[in-house]
Amino acid sequence: MSSAQTVSDIGAMLLSGQVEVVDCTGVLGPDTPIIQLPPEFAKPTPKIEINKISEYDEDGPFFAWNWMILGEHSGTHFDAPHHWITGKDYPDGFTDTLDVQRLVAPVNVIDCSAQSNADPDFLLDAAGVKAWEAEHGEISSGEWVVMRTDWESRVGEDEFLNIDEAGPHSPGPTVDCIEYILSKGIVGWGTQCIGTDAGQAGAMDPPYPAHNLLHKNNCFGLASLANLSKLPAKGAILIATPLKIENGTGSPIRALALAPKR
């Protein structure tokens, strides 16, 4: 079968509903939680503001539109390699220079929702990934890997923001988890938490391994994903495209997945 026929078949299956588009994105607005870093590390990212320009009124009688204030890493968002010091030297590490061919790829969904519900501090390690592969099949080069925790249900709770240093925090990967999936040649890693790392990742070695190691290897991160429960363990395609911001280190995204209709 030719590649043209394959693309045509996917289009037909989308139109017929055999393939459904799953929205893996949270709502972006003034109530969207914003990651809070210690003040000695970074200035605070402002809350999202949506300001009206006009809405069929004296400021614009025929049109409605808004202007916004938001950080690059707000809501469901994409981390480009230049976001972290380990990825600062990649010329294609910005949102306007990255290879868009890499952004649309098969996705491996590792379901850690039961463990995370029982223990918000749950950590996915390399052994856990290998056990998942033994059941569902190996992770292949160029694919996304995402950790399902159903954490969007906790938006507004302290552990979503990791406010209390003593915990509970939020679940995430260990150092050896990130090292292992990088050895598989992945394009990137994603979570349903406010950041790609676990809430307790600052105490790991190296600290914040998802950020530190992913971007060191010119790979991408996705945070605050949603609706991963609607995706199969394998068999879906994830589309995660950041805005083409000049020298951008990241961007809010509309993450979409193509999945067989269940």
C-alpha atoms as a PDB file:
ATOM      1  CA  MET A   1       0.000   0.000   0.000  1.00  0.00           C
ATOM      2  CA  SER A   2       1.346   3.425  -0.944  1.00  0.00           C
ATOM      3  CA  SER A   3       1.901   6.155   1.631  1.00  0.00           C
ATOM      4  CA  ALA A   4      -0.620   8.300  -0.236  1.00  0.00           C
ATOM      5  CA  GLN A   5      -3.239   5.554   0.115  1.00  0.00           C
ATOM      6  CA  THR A   6      -2.439   5.199   3.816  1.00  0.00           C
ATOM      7  CA  VAL A   7      -2.962   8.916   4.431  1.00  0.00           C
ATOM      8  CA  SER A   8      -6.170   8.796   2.372  1.00  0.00           C
ATOM      9  CA  ASP A   9      -7.418   5.858   4.463  1.00  0.00           C
ATOM     10  CA  ILE A  10      -6.704   7.728   7.701  1.00  0.00           C
ATOM     11  CA  GLY A  11      -8.671  10.689   6.353  1.00  0.00           C
ATOM     12  CA  ALA A  12     -11.598   8.438   5.494  1.00  0.00           C
ATOM     13  CA  MET A  13     -11.516   6.822   8.939  1.00  0.00           C
ATOM     14  CA  LEU A  14     -11.533  10.261  10.579  1.00  0.00           C
ATOM     15  CA  LEU A  15     -14.573  11.277   8.553  1.00  0.00           C
ATOM     16  CA  SER A  16     -16.391   8.031   9.311  1.00  0.00           C
ATOM     17  CA  GLY A  17     -15.586   8.162  13.021  1.00  0.00           C
ATOM     18  CA  GLN A  18     -13.511   4.969  13.020  1.00  0.00           C
ATOM     19  CA  VAL A  19     -10.635   7.128  14.235  1.00  0.00           C
ATOM     20  CA  GLU A  20     -11.574   9.689  16.858  1.00  0.00           C
ATOM     21  CA  VAL A  21      -9.763  12.838  17.883  1.00  0.00           C
ATOM     22  CA  VAL A  22      -9.172  12.923  21.652  1.00  0.00           C
ATOM     23  CA  ASP A  23      -8.531  16.302  23.227  1.00  0.00           C
ATOM     24  CA  CYS A  24      -5.623  15.855  25.654  1.00  0.00           C
ATOM     25  CA  THR A  25      -5.681  19.504  26.740  1.00  0.00           C
ATOM     26  CA  GLY A  26      -6.857  21.333  29.835  1.00  0.00           C
ATOM     27  CA  VAL A  27      -8.721  24.643  29.673  1.00  0.00           C
ATOM     28  CA  LEU A  28      -6.452  27.696  29.556  1.00  0.00           C
ATOM     29  CA  GLY A  29      -7.773  30.661  31.522  1.00  0.00           C
ATOM     30  CA  PRO A  30      -7.459  32.805  34.656  1.00  0.00           C
ATOM     31  CA  ASP A  31      -8.086  29.771  36.903  1.00  0.00           C
ATOM     32  CA  THR A  32      -5.415  27.594  35.277  1.00  0.00           C
ATOM     33  CA  PRO A  33      -2.851  26.578  37.926  1.00  0.00           C
ATOM     34  CA  ILE A  34       0.610  28.023  37.303  1.00  0.00           C
ATOM     35  CA  ILE A  35       3.729  26.245  38.489  1.00  0.00           C
ATOM     36  CA  GLN A  36       5.287  27.907  41.526  1.00  0.00           C
ATOM     37  CA  LEU A  37       9.058  27.815  41.898  1.00  0.00           C
ATOM     38  CA  PRO A  38      11.031  28.950  44.954  1.00  0.00           C
ATOM     39  CA  PRO A  39      11.698  32.705  44.645  1.00  0.00           C
ATOM     40  CA  GLU A  40      15.452  32.131  44.879  1.00  0.00           C
ATOM     41  CA  PHE A  41      15.227  30.162  41.614  1.00  0.00           C
ATOM     42  CA  ALA A  42      12.907  32.219  39.447  1.00  0.00           C
ATOM     43  CA  LYS A  43      10.554  35.153  39.204  1.00  0.00           C
ATOM     44  CA  PRO A  44       6.930  34.034  39.507  1.00  0.00           C
ATOM     45  CA  THR A  45       5.054  33.372  36.287  1.00  0.00           C
ATOM     46  CA  PRO A  46       2.005  35.662  36.181  1.00  0.00           C
ATOM     47  CA  LYS A  47      -1.498  34.294  36.316  1.00  0.00           C
ATOM     48  CA  ILE A  48      -3.165  34.115  32.932  1.00  0.00           C
ATOM     49  CA  GLU A  49      -5.114  37.229  31.982  1.00  0.00           C
ATOM     50  CA  ILE A  50      -7.693  37.430  29.204  1.00  0.00           C
ATOM     51  CA  ASN A  51      -8.599  41.010  28.333  1.00  0.00           C
ATOM     52  CA  LYS A  52     -11.349  41.971  25.927  1.00  0.00           C
ATOM     53  CA  ILE A  53     -10.582  44.219  22.969  1.00  0.00           C
ATOM     54  CA  SER A  54     -14.106  44.276  21.598  1.00  0.00           C
ATOM     55  CA  GLU A  55     -17.280  42.213  21.387  1.00  0.00           C
ATOM     56  CA  TYR A  56     -19.725  43.714  18.877  1.00  0.00           C
ATOM     57  CA  ASP A  57     -19.679  47.047  20.697  1.00  0.00           C
ATOM     58  CA  GLU A  58     -18.311  50.578  20.328  1.00  0.00           C
ATOM     59  CA  ASP A  59     -14.752  49.197  20.376  1.00  0.00           C
ATOM     60  CA  GLY A  60     -15.456  46.887  17.474  1.00  0.00           C
ATOM     61  CA  PRO A  61     -19.028  46.589  16.198  1.00  0.00           C
ATOM     62  CA  PHE A  62     -18.565  43.518  13.979  1.00  0.00           C
ATOM     63  CA  PHE A  63     -15.999  41.409  15.800  1.00  0.00           C
ATOM     64  CA  ALA A  64     -14.995  39.895  19.136  1.00  0.00           C
ATOM     65  CA  TRP A  65     -11.389  39.342  20.183  1.00  0.00           C
ATOM     66  CA  ASN A  66      -9.113  39.410  23.217  1.00  0.00           C
ATOM     67  CA  TRP A  67      -5.527  40.006  24.220  1.00  0.00           C
ATOM     68  CA  MET A  68      -3.735  37.839  26.777  1.00  0.00           C
ATOM     69  CA  ILE A  69      -0.941  37.741  29.303  1.00  0.00           C
ATOM     70  CA  LEU A  70       0.495  34.258  29.831  1.00  0.00           C
ATOM     71  CA  GLY A  71       3.772  32.457  30.330  1.00  0.00           C
ATOM     72  CA  GLU A  72       5.183  30.026  27.783  1.00  0.00           C
ATOM     73  CA  HIS A  73       4.874  27.191  30.308  1.00  0.00           C
ATOM     74  CA  SER A  74       1.250  27.686  31.332  1.00  0.00           C
ATOM     75  CA  GLY A  75      -1.510  25.087  31.296  1.00  0.00           C
ATOM     76  CA  THR A  76      -1.117  22.154  28.939  1.00  0.00           C
ATOM     77  CA  HIS A  77       2.241  23.071  27.494  1.00  0.00           C
ATOM     78  CA  PHE A  78       5.335  22.038  25.570  1.00  0.00           C
ATOM     79  CA  ASP A  79       8.910  22.249  26.877  1.00  0.00           C
ATOM     80  CA  ALA A  80      11.508  22.808  24.142  1.00  0.00           C
ATOM     81  CA  PRO A  81      15.155  21.840  24.773  1.00  0.00           C
ATOM     82  CA  HIS A  82      16.218  25.479  25.292  1.00  0.00           C
ATOM     83  CA  HIS A  83      13.909  25.598  28.339  1.00  0.00           C
ATOM     84  CA  TRP A  84      16.630  23.914  30.426  1.00  0.00           C
ATOM     85  CA  ILE A  85      20.307  24.751  30.713  1.00  0.00           C
ATOM     86  CA  THR A  86      21.307  21.283  29.522  1.00  0.00           C
ATOM     87  CA  GLY A  87      19.592  21.927  26.167  1.00  0.00           C
ATOM     88  CA  LYS A  88      20.678  25.511  25.650  1.00  0.00           C
ATOM     89  CA  ASP A  89      23.155  24.841  22.827  1.00  0.00           C
ATOM     90  CA  TYR A  90      20.832  23.105  20.346  1.00  0.00           C
ATOM     91  CA  PRO A  91      20.197  25.446  17.397  1.00  0.00           C
ATOM     92  CA  ASP A  92      16.923  23.574  16.753  1.00  0.00           C
ATOM     93  CA  GLY A  93      15.996  23.692  20.438  1.00  0.00           C
ATOM     94  CA  PHE A  94      13.524  26.595  20.188  1.00  0.00           C
ATOM     95  CA  THR A  95       9.845  26.441  19.310  1.00  0.00           C
ATOM     96  CA  ASP A  96      10.508  28.237  16.011  1.00  0.00           C
ATOM     97  CA  THR A  97      13.458  26.066  14.945  1.00  0.00           C
ATOM     98  CA  LEU A  98      12.514  22.531  16.026  1.00  0.00           C
ATOM     99  CA  ASP A  99      11.808  19.736  13.542  1.00  0.00           C
ATOM    100  CA  VAL A 100       8.008  19.558  13.280  1.00  0.00           C
ATOM    101  CA  GLN A 101       8.219  16.055  11.792  1.00  0.00           C
ATOM    102  CA  ARG A 102       9.003  14.853  15.321  1.00  0.00           C
ATOM    103  CA  LEU A 103       5.882  16.359  16.894  1.00  0.00           C
ATOM    104  CA  VAL A 104       3.373  13.893  15.416  1.00  0.00           C
ATOM    105  CA  ALA A 105       4.208  10.366  16.550  1.00  0.00           C
ATOM    106  CA  PRO A 106       2.846   7.162  18.104  1.00  0.00           C
ATOM    107  CA  VAL A 107       2.283   7.440  21.835  1.00  0.00           C
ATOM    108  CA  ASN A 108       2.873   4.907  24.601  1.00  0.00           C
ATOM    109  CA  VAL A 109       0.468   5.477  27.512  1.00  0.00           C
ATOM    110  CA  ILE A 110       1.770   3.987  30.777  1.00  0.00           C
ATOM    111  CA  ASP A 111      -1.163   3.726  33.172  1.00  0.00           C
ATOM    112  CA  CYS A 112      -0.043   4.641  36.684  1.00  0.00           C
ATOM    113  CA  SER A 113      -3.440   5.986  37.771  1.00  0.00           C
ATOM    114  CA  ALA A 114      -4.108   3.345  40.441  1.00  0.00           C
ATOM    115  CA  GLN A 115      -0.661   3.711  42.022  1.00  0.00           C
ATOM    116  CA  SER A 116      -0.846   7.524  41.893  1.00  0.00           C
ATOM    117  CA  ASN A 117      -4.308   7.554  43.446  1.00  0.00           C
ATOM    118  CA  ALA A 118      -3.053   5.389  46.306  1.00  0.00           C
ATOM    119  CA  ASP A 119       0.179   7.379  46.714  1.00  0.00           C
ATOM    120  CA  PRO A 120       0.526  10.922  45.307  1.00  0.00           C
ATOM    121  CA  ASP A 121       4.296  10.562  45.701  1.00  0.00           C
ATOM    122  CA  PHE A 122       4.354   7.508  43.407  1.00  0.00           C
ATOM    123  CA  LEU A 123       7.459   7.286  41.211  1.00  0.00           C
ATOM    124  CA  LEU A 124       7.606   5.379  37.938  1.00  0.00           C
ATOM    125  CA  ASP A 125      10.988   3.691  37.575  1.00  0.00           C
ATOM    126  CA  ALA A 126      12.707   1.818  34.751  1.00  0.00           C
ATOM    127  CA  ALA A 127      11.533  -1.536  36.113  1.00  0.00           C
ATOM    128  CA  GLY A 128       7.950  -0.285  35.892  1.00  0.00           C
ATOM    129  CA  VAL A 129       8.426   0.766  32.272  1.00  0.00           C
ATOM    130  CA  LYS A 130       9.968  -2.595  31.392  1.00  0.00           C
ATOM    131  CA  ALA A 131       7.068  -4.427  33.045  1.00  0.00           C
ATOM    132  CA  TRP A 132       4.659  -2.312  30.963  1.00  0.00           C
ATOM    133  CA  GLU A 133       6.634  -3.180  27.797  1.00  0.00           C
ATOM    134  CA  ALA A 134       6.454  -6.888  28.644  1.00  0.00           C
ATOM    135  CA  GLU A 135       2.662  -6.593  28.642  1.00  0.00           C
ATOM    136  CA  HIS A 136       2.051  -4.106  25.825  1.00  0.00           C
ATOM    137  CA  GLY A 137       5.107  -4.185  23.568  1.00  0.00           C
ATOM    138  CA  GLU A 138       8.379  -2.301  23.315  1.00  0.00           C
ATOM    139  CA  ILE A 139       8.712   1.459  23.068  1.00  0.00           C
ATOM    140  CA  SER A 140      10.185   2.330  19.679  1.00  0.00           C
ATOM    141  CA  SER A 141      12.455   5.113  18.497  1.00  0.00           C
ATOM    142  CA  GLY A 142      10.753   8.404  17.698  1.00  0.00           C
ATOM    143  CA  GLU A 143       7.683   7.741  19.861  1.00  0.00           C
ATOM    144  CA  TRP A 144       6.115   9.688  22.709  1.00  0.00           C
ATOM    145  CA  VAL A 145       5.898   8.194  26.206  1.00  0.00           C
ATOM    146  CA  VAL A 146       3.310   9.609  28.608  1.00  0.00           C
ATOM    147  CA  MET A 147       2.497   8.762  32.202  1.00  0.00           C
ATOM    148  CA  ARG A 148      -1.207   8.471  32.954  1.00  0.00           C
ATOM    149  CA  THR A 149      -2.117   9.562  36.486  1.00  0.00           C
ATOM    150  CA  ASP A 150      -5.542  11.199  35.881  1.00  0.00           C
ATOM    151  CA  TRP A 151      -4.012  14.121  37.784  1.00  0.00           C
ATOM    152  CA  GLU A 152      -6.173  16.754  36.089  1.00  0.00           C
ATOM    153  CA  SER A 153      -8.897  15.709  38.549  1.00  0.00           C
ATOM    154  CA  ARG A 154      -6.768  17.299  41.293  1.00  0.00           C
ATOM    155  CA  VAL A 155      -6.509  20.768  39.802  1.00  0.00           C
ATOM    156  CA  GLY A 156      -6.980  23.187  42.703  1.00  0.00           C
ATOM    157  CA  GLU A 157      -5.519  20.813  45.302  1.00  0.00           C
ATOM    158  CA  ASP A 158      -2.200  21.501  47.045  1.00  0.00           C
ATOM    159  CA  GLU A 159      -0.491  18.394  45.678  1.00  0.00           C
ATOM    160  CA  PHE A 160      -1.172  19.530  42.103  1.00  0.00           C
ATOM    161  CA  LEU A 161       0.979  22.610  42.743  1.00  0.00           C
ATOM    162  CA  ASN A 162       3.415  20.873  45.125  1.00  0.00           C
ATOM    163  CA  ILE A 163       2.963  23.759  47.559  1.00  0.00           C
ATOM    164  CA  ASP A 164       3.988  21.810  50.683  1.00  0.00           C
ATOM    165  CA  GLU A 165       7.647  20.715  50.601  1.00  0.00           C
ATOM    166  CA  ALA A 166       6.825  17.947  53.091  1.00  0.00           C
ATOM    167  CA  GLY A 167       4.231  16.511  50.717  1.00  0.00           C
ATOM    168  CA  PRO A 168       2.079  15.139  49.390  1.00  0.00           C
ATOM    169  CA  HIS A 169       3.598  16.081  46.085  1.00  0.00           C
ATOM    170  CA  SER A 170       2.723  14.770  42.645  1.00  0.00           C
ATOM    171  CA  PRO A 171       3.810  11.577  40.883  1.00  0.00           C
ATOM    172  CA  GLY A 172       6.437  11.401  38.175  1.00  0.00           C
ATOM    173  CA  PRO A 173       9.502   9.605  36.834  1.00  0.00           C
ATOM    174  CA  THR A 174      12.706   8.518  38.519  1.00  0.00           C
ATOM    175  CA  VAL A 175      16.135   9.215  37.070  1.00  0.00           C
ATOM    176  CA  ASP A 176      16.489   5.658  35.766  1.00  0.00           C
ATOM    177  CA  CYS A 177      13.023   5.872  34.170  1.00  0.00           C
ATOM    178  CA  ILE A 178      14.068   8.851  32.060  1.00  0.00           C
ATOM    179  CA  GLU A 179      17.454   7.292  31.305  1.00  0.00           C
ATOM    180  CA  TYR A 180      15.770   4.107  30.122  1.00  0.00           C
ATOM    181  CA  ILE A 181      13.183   5.689  27.833  1.00  0.00           C
ATOM    182  CA  LEU A 182      15.892   7.948  26.363  1.00  0.00           C
ATOM    183  CA  SER A 183      17.871   4.795  25.551  1.00  0.00           C
ATOM    184  CA  LYS A 184      14.866   3.722  23.470  1.00  0.00           C
ATOM    185  CA  GLY A 185      15.217   6.845  21.312  1.00  0.00           C
ATOM    186  CA  ILE A 186      11.959   8.565  22.286  1.00  0.00           C
ATOM    187  CA  VAL A 187      10.964  12.001  21.007  1.00  0.00           C
ATOM    188  CA  GLY A 188       9.586  13.148  24.341  1.00  0.00           C
ATOM    189  CA  TRP A 189       7.896  12.455  27.674  1.00  0.00           C
ATOM    190  CA  GLY A 190       4.607  13.797  29.030  1.00  0.00           C
ATOM    191  CA  THR A 191       2.568  13.835  32.236  1.00  0.00           C
ATOM    192  CA  GLN A 192      -0.788  14.986  33.538  1.00  0.00           C
ATOM    193  CA  CYS A 193       0.919  16.904  36.333  1.00  0.00           C
ATOM    194  CA  ILE A 194       1.848  20.588  36.336  1.00  0.00           C
ATOM    195  CA  GLY A 195       5.406  19.764  35.262  1.00  0.00           C
ATOM    196  CA  THR A 196       7.192  16.884  33.590  1.00  0.00           C
ATOM    197  CA  ASP A 197       9.033  15.950  36.796  1.00  0.00           C
ATOM    198  CA  ALA A 198       7.757  14.473  40.022  1.00  0.00           C
ATOM    199  CA  GLY A 199       6.962  16.869  42.844  1.00  0.00           C
ATOM    200  CA  GLN A 200       9.938  15.549  44.812  1.00  0.00           C
ATOM    201  CA  ALA A 201      12.339  15.674  41.839  1.00  0.00           C
ATOM    202  CA  GLY A 202      14.431  18.517  43.242  1.00  0.00           C
ATOM    203  CA  ALA A 203      16.069  16.065  45.632  1.00  0.00           C
ATOM    204  CA  MET A 204      17.010  13.562  42.916  1.00  0.00           C
ATOM    205  CA  ASP A 205      20.463  13.176  41.359  1.00  0.00           C
ATOM    206  CA  PRO A 206      20.509  14.848  38.935  1.00  0.00           C
ATOM    207  CA  PRO A 207      17.680  17.097  40.112  1.00  0.00           C
ATOM    208  CA  TYR A 208      14.612  17.364  37.904  1.00  0.00           C
ATOM    209  CA  PRO A 209      15.697  14.455  35.691  1.00  0.00           C
ATOM    210  CA  ALA A 210      12.902  14.846  33.129  1.00  0.00           C
ATOM    211  CA  HIS A 211      13.994  18.420  32.436  1.00  0.00           C
ATOM    212  CA  ASN A 212      17.704  17.800  32.913  1.00  0.00           C
ATOM    213  CA  LEU A 213      18.048  14.646  30.791  1.00  0.00           C
ATOM    214  CA  LEU A 214      15.305  15.102  28.188  1.00  0.00           C
ATOM    215  CA  HIS A 215      16.542  18.489  27.071  1.00  0.00           C
ATOM    216  CA  LYS A 216      20.177  17.405  27.271  1.00  0.00           C
ATOM    217  CA  ASN A 217      19.227  14.883  24.581  1.00  0.00           C
ATOM    218  CA  ASN A 218      17.232  17.368  22.441  1.00  0.00           C
ATOM    219  CA  CYS A 219      13.932  15.779  23.457  1.00  0.00           C
ATOM    220  CA  PHE A 220      10.647  17.418  24.377  1.00  0.00           C
ATOM    221  CA  GLY A 221       8.435  17.568  27.454  1.00  0.00           C
ATOM    222  CA  LEU A 222       4.651  17.831  27.777  1.00  0.00           C
ATOM    223  CA  ALA A 223       2.905  18.868  30.995  1.00  0.00           C
ATOM    224  CA  SER A 224      -0.682  19.149  32.260  1.00  0.00           C
ATOM    225  CA  LEU A 225      -2.014  16.716  29.673  1.00  0.00           C
ATOM    226  CA  ALA A 226      -5.619  15.556  30.063  1.00  0.00           C
ATOM    227  CA  ASN A 227      -7.898  12.670  29.112  1.00  0.00           C
ATOM    228  CA  LEU A 228      -5.167  10.068  28.831  1.00  0.00           C
ATOM    229  CA  SER A 229      -7.743   7.582  30.137  1.00  0.00           C
ATOM    230  CA  LYS A 230      -9.361   7.787  26.691  1.00  0.00           C
ATOM    231  CA  LEU A 231      -6.239   6.479  24.945  1.00  0.00           C
ATOM    232  CA  PRO A 232      -5.102   2.864  24.528  1.00  0.00           C
ATOM    233  CA  ALA A 233      -1.765   1.743  25.897  1.00  0.00           C
ATOM    234  CA  LYS A 234      -0.548   1.586  22.287  1.00  0.00           C
ATOM    235  CA  GLY A 235      -2.125   2.394  18.953  1.00  0.00           C
ATOM    236  CA  ALA A 236      -2.779   6.148  19.193  1.00  0.00           C
ATOM    237  CA  ILE A 237      -0.916   9.015  17.557  1.00  0.00           C
ATOM    238  CA  LEU A 238      -0.163  12.135  19.590  1.00  0.00           C
ATOM    239  CA  ILE A 239      -0.019  15.580  17.982  1.00  0.00           C
ATOM    240  CA  ALA A 240       1.717  18.101  20.253  1.00  0.00           C
ATOM    241  CA  THR A 241       2.539  21.325  18.432  1.00  0.00           C
ATOM    242  CA  PRO A 242       3.788  24.482  20.153  1.00  0.00           C
ATOM    243  CA  LEU A 243       3.247  27.980  18.832  1.00  0.00           C
ATOM    244  CA  LYS A 244       6.071  29.113  16.556  1.00  0.00           C
ATOM    245  CA  ILE A 245       7.360  31.689  19.031  1.00  0.00           C
ATOM    246  CA  GLU A 246      10.617  33.361  18.040  1.00  0.00           C
ATOM    247  CA  ASN A 247      13.333  31.911  20.305  1.00  0.00           C
ATOM    248  CA  GLY A 248      10.542  30.285  22.302  1.00  0.00           C
ATOM    249  CA  THR A 249      11.441  27.947  25.158  1.00  0.00           C
ATOM    250  CA  GLY A 250       7.971  26.438  25.202  1.00  0.00           C
ATOM    251  CA  SER A 251       4.333  27.144  24.514  1.00  0.00           C
ATOM    252  CA  PRO A 252       0.805  26.343  25.599  1.00  0.00           C
ATOM    253  CA  ILE A 253      -0.535  23.723  23.179  1.00  0.00           C
ATOM    254  CA  ARG A 254      -3.720  22.024  22.060  1.00  0.00           C
ATOM    255  CA  ALA A 255      -2.572  18.412  22.398  1.00  0.00           C
ATOM    256  CA  LEU A 256      -4.637  16.048  20.260  1.00  0.00           C
ATOM    257  CA  ALA A 257      -4.504  12.278  19.825  1.00  0.00           C
ATOM    258  CA  LEU A 258      -5.825  10.123  16.993  1.00  0.00           C
ATOM    259  CA  ALA A 259      -7.158   6.904  18.481  1.00  0.00           C
ATOM    260  CA  PRO A 260      -9.176   3.926  17.234  1.00  0.00           C
ATOM    261  CA  LYS A 261     -12.820   4.358  18.207  1.00  0.00           C
ATOM    262  CA  ARG A 262     -13.524   2.272  21.258  1.00  0.00           C
END
